């Protein structure tokens, strides 16, 4: 346990009449709609990147957030996971989702990235043993690092293409190991290899 959410109770549904600032007023996970509970209809997931890894960057400057788990050490990545799973439990969210780079420190090469990811996947698996929150999907971050400035799957450098494909494989393995319900192929910086890719009528045919 950390002391990051000290004094914050588990959030429960109390309805519109409540004056408790730590309560759901509109979302009742047990409310039945068309034969299903809202929890079944609305499969909320906490996005690990948005909630814990994003540095608050804006177009006019760099990092604006200063969170205690920011850094390149494995211990800080595990602290981030500790805080994340505490928040999942407080909110009672059914799912979370991640990019590989959200979970692990950046290594000096692909092998180190993979080792870091595997270590963090094992740590996540331990956290999930005592949490109700499951993995909705995983994906690979193929856009933040400068190696992907010209894309990943459509990068003209075959070394970057191979690096990207291997990263996706490692992320699929991580998602499967954590019991993820889906995998997202997210092409954040993808471009095109030939002018044929710009022919929308041809692509839609």
Protein backbone atom coordinates (compact mmCIF):
# COMPACT_ATOMS: atom_id res chain seq x y z
CA UNK A 1 0.00 0.00 0.00
CA UNK A 2 1.06 3.58 -0.66
CA UNK A 3 -0.12 6.74 1.04
CA UNK A 4 -1.02 8.43 -2.22
CA UNK A 5 -4.79 8.07 -1.69
CA UNK A 6 -4.69 8.33 2.09
CA UNK A 7 -8.13 9.30 3.39
CA UNK A 8 -9.93 8.48 0.12
CA UNK A 9 -12.58 5.79 0.67
CA UNK A 10 -13.87 3.32 -1.90
CA UNK A 11 -16.36 5.12 -4.13
CA UNK A 12 -19.92 3.78 -3.94
CA UNK A 13 -23.18 4.76 -5.61
CA UNK A 14 -25.27 6.98 -3.32
CA UNK A 15 -27.59 8.75 -5.75
CA UNK A 16 -28.37 12.37 -6.52
CA UNK A 17 -29.32 13.21 -2.94
CA UNK A 18 -25.85 12.59 -1.50
CA UNK A 19 -23.53 15.38 -0.44
CA UNK A 20 -20.61 12.97 -0.20
CA UNK A 21 -17.89 14.13 -2.57
CA UNK A 22 -16.53 10.57 -2.68
CA UNK A 23 -19.64 8.96 -4.16
CA UNK A 24 -21.20 8.21 -7.52
CA UNK A 25 -24.37 10.24 -8.07
CA UNK A 26 -25.45 9.03 -11.51
CA UNK A 27 -23.68 5.74 -12.19
CA UNK A 28 -25.21 2.76 -10.38
CA UNK A 29 -23.37 -0.35 -11.61
CA UNK A 30 -26.22 -2.60 -10.44
CA UNK A 31 -29.03 -0.71 -12.20
CA UNK A 32 -30.74 -2.97 -14.73
CA UNK A 33 -31.35 -1.69 -18.28
CA UNK A 34 -32.84 -4.02 -20.91
CA UNK A 35 -31.99 -7.10 -18.90
CA UNK A 36 -28.37 -6.14 -18.19
CA UNK A 37 -26.73 -4.22 -15.41
CA UNK A 38 -25.02 -0.92 -16.23
CA UNK A 39 -21.76 -2.60 -15.27
CA UNK A 40 -22.30 -5.01 -18.17
CA UNK A 41 -23.39 -2.29 -20.60
CA UNK A 42 -20.66 0.24 -19.71
CA UNK A 43 -17.34 -1.54 -19.52
CA UNK A 44 -15.36 1.41 -18.16
CA UNK A 45 -11.58 1.14 -18.35
CA UNK A 46 -8.88 3.35 -16.87
CA UNK A 47 -6.33 4.22 -19.56
CA UNK A 48 -2.93 3.73 -17.94
CA UNK A 49 -1.27 6.30 -20.19
CA UNK A 50 -3.76 9.11 -19.63
CA UNK A 51 -4.08 8.55 -15.90
CA UNK A 52 -0.54 7.68 -14.82
CA UNK A 53 2.06 8.00 -17.58
CA UNK A 54 1.11 11.27 -19.30
CA UNK A 55 3.42 14.10 -18.30
CA UNK A 56 0.97 16.92 -18.99
CA UNK A 57 2.83 18.18 -22.04
CA UNK A 58 1.38 20.98 -24.13
CA UNK A 59 2.24 22.52 -27.53
CA UNK A 60 4.28 25.31 -25.91
CA UNK A 61 6.40 23.37 -23.48
CA UNK A 62 7.34 20.09 -21.92
CA UNK A 63 6.23 18.26 -18.81
CA UNK A 64 3.85 20.09 -16.48
CA UNK A 65 3.06 17.23 -14.07
CA UNK A 66 5.51 16.16 -11.38
CA UNK A 67 4.42 12.76 -10.14
CA UNK A 68 6.52 10.72 -7.72
CA UNK A 69 6.69 7.71 -10.05
CA UNK A 70 8.15 9.58 -13.04
CA UNK A 71 11.60 8.27 -13.89
CA UNK A 72 13.45 5.45 -15.61
CA UNK A 73 13.98 3.11 -12.64
CA UNK A 74 12.09 -0.16 -12.35
CA UNK A 75 11.22 0.68 -8.72
CA UNK A 76 9.34 3.76 -9.93
CA UNK A 77 7.45 1.72 -12.53
CA UNK A 78 6.35 -0.62 -9.74
CA UNK A 79 5.33 2.34 -7.56
CA UNK A 80 3.20 3.58 -10.47
CA UNK A 81 1.53 0.15 -10.66
CA UNK A 82 0.91 0.17 -6.90
CA UNK A 83 -0.80 3.55 -7.14
CA UNK A 84 -2.76 2.52 -10.24
CA UNK A 85 -4.23 -0.60 -8.70
CA UNK A 86 -5.12 1.28 -5.53
CA UNK A 87 -7.06 3.75 -7.67
CA UNK A 88 -8.72 0.93 -9.64
CA UNK A 89 -9.95 -0.58 -6.38
CA UNK A 90 -11.14 2.76 -4.98
CA UNK A 91 -13.16 3.46 -8.14
CA UNK A 92 -14.31 -0.12 -8.57
CA UNK A 93 -13.59 0.05 -12.29
CA UNK A 94 -13.93 -3.28 -14.10
CA UNK A 95 -11.06 -2.75 -16.55
CA UNK A 96 -7.81 -0.99 -17.36
CA UNK A 97 -5.79 -0.75 -20.59
CA UNK A 98 -2.17 0.06 -21.40
CA UNK A 99 0.64 0.72 -23.86
CA UNK A 100 3.89 -1.15 -23.18
CA UNK A 101 5.75 2.13 -22.64
CA UNK A 102 3.25 3.11 -19.94
CA UNK A 103 4.20 0.08 -17.86
CA UNK A 104 7.94 -0.29 -18.31
CA UNK A 105 10.99 1.98 -18.28
CA UNK A 106 12.57 2.66 -21.66
CA UNK A 107 15.61 0.44 -22.22
CA UNK A 108 18.68 1.00 -24.34
CA UNK A 109 17.59 -1.58 -26.93
CA UNK A 110 14.76 -3.95 -27.83
CA UNK A 111 16.02 -6.76 -25.59
CA UNK A 112 16.11 -4.49 -22.54
CA UNK A 113 12.65 -3.13 -23.32
CA UNK A 114 11.34 -6.69 -23.52
CA UNK A 115 12.97 -7.68 -20.22
CA UNK A 116 11.51 -4.60 -18.54
CA UNK A 117 8.07 -5.34 -19.98
CA UNK A 118 8.17 -8.97 -18.88
CA UNK A 119 9.16 -7.97 -15.35
CA UNK A 120 6.30 -5.48 -15.16
CA UNK A 121 3.81 -7.98 -16.62
CA UNK A 122 4.74 -10.36 -13.81
CA UNK A 123 4.24 -7.53 -11.31
CA UNK A 124 0.85 -6.65 -12.83
CA UNK A 125 -0.17 -10.31 -12.64
CA UNK A 126 0.53 -10.29 -8.90
CA UNK A 127 -1.48 -7.09 -8.44
CA UNK A 128 -4.40 -8.59 -10.37
CA UNK A 129 -4.55 -11.58 -8.02
CA UNK A 130 -6.04 -9.32 -5.33
CA UNK A 131 -7.90 -6.87 -7.58
CA UNK A 132 -11.30 -7.08 -9.24
CA UNK A 133 -10.03 -5.00 -12.18
CA UNK A 134 -9.21 -6.94 -15.34
CA UNK A 135 -7.36 -6.03 -18.52
CA UNK A 136 -9.59 -4.84 -21.36
CA UNK A 137 -6.83 -4.42 -23.94
CA UNK A 138 -3.14 -3.87 -24.44
CA UNK A 139 -1.29 -2.13 -27.24
CA UNK A 140 2.18 -1.06 -28.32
CA UNK A 141 3.40 2.52 -28.13
CA UNK A 142 4.88 2.99 -31.60
CA UNK A 143 4.79 6.78 -31.67
CA UNK A 144 6.36 8.45 -28.59
CA UNK A 145 10.01 7.51 -29.11
CA UNK A 146 11.90 9.37 -31.81
CA UNK A 147 12.65 6.10 -33.63
CA UNK A 148 9.01 6.19 -34.80
CA UNK A 149 9.07 9.73 -36.19
CA UNK A 150 8.49 8.32 -39.70
CA UNK A 151 5.99 5.72 -38.59
CA UNK A 152 6.26 2.09 -37.53
CA UNK A 153 4.54 -0.34 -39.91
CA UNK A 154 5.03 2.14 -42.76
CA UNK A 155 8.53 3.29 -41.77
CA UNK A 156 10.95 3.27 -44.75
CA UNK A 157 13.76 1.97 -42.48
CA UNK A 158 13.55 -1.86 -42.37
CA UNK A 159 15.27 -1.90 -38.96
CA UNK A 160 12.50 0.27 -37.48
CA UNK A 161 9.86 -1.87 -39.18
CA UNK A 162 11.37 -5.02 -37.65
CA UNK A 163 11.68 -3.33 -34.24
CA UNK A 164 8.02 -2.34 -34.45
CA UNK A 165 6.81 -5.80 -35.44
CA UNK A 166 8.78 -7.41 -32.62
CA UNK A 167 7.41 -4.86 -30.15
CA UNK A 168 3.85 -5.67 -31.20
CA UNK A 169 4.57 -9.38 -30.69
CA UNK A 170 5.90 -8.73 -27.17
CA UNK A 171 2.84 -6.61 -26.36
CA UNK A 172 0.45 -9.26 -27.67
CA UNK A 173 2.21 -11.79 -25.44
CA UNK A 174 1.89 -9.43 -22.47
CA UNK A 175 -1.81 -8.88 -23.16
CA UNK A 176 -2.45 -12.61 -23.41
CA UNK A 177 -0.53 -13.33 -20.21
CA UNK A 178 -2.63 -10.79 -18.32
CA UNK A 179 -5.88 -12.20 -19.71
CA UNK A 180 -6.72 -9.20 -21.87
CA UNK A 181 -10.04 -9.32 -23.70
CA UNK A 182 -8.70 -7.54 -26.78
CA UNK A 183 -5.58 -6.19 -28.45
CA UNK A 184 -5.49 -2.79 -30.18
CA UNK A 185 -3.35 -2.14 -33.27
CA UNK A 186 -2.81 1.60 -32.91
CA UNK A 187 -0.97 3.34 -35.77
CA UNK A 188 -0.22 6.67 -34.15
CA UNK A 189 2.33 7.92 -36.69
CA UNK A 190 1.64 5.69 -39.67
CA UNK A 191 2.03 7.10 -43.14
CA UNK A 192 2.05 5.40 -46.54
CA UNK A 193 4.59 3.59 -48.66
CA UNK A 194 3.16 4.39 -52.11
CA UNK A 195 0.87 7.00 -53.62
CA UNK A 196 -1.72 4.26 -54.06
CA UNK A 197 -2.44 4.64 -50.35
CA UNK A 198 -3.84 8.10 -51.02
CA UNK A 199 -6.50 6.81 -53.44
CA UNK A 200 -9.46 6.66 -51.06
CA UNK A 201 -11.88 5.36 -53.72
CA UNK A 202 -9.53 2.46 -54.40
CA UNK A 203 -9.10 1.72 -50.69
CA UNK A 204 -12.85 1.70 -50.10
CA UNK A 205 -13.57 -0.57 -53.08
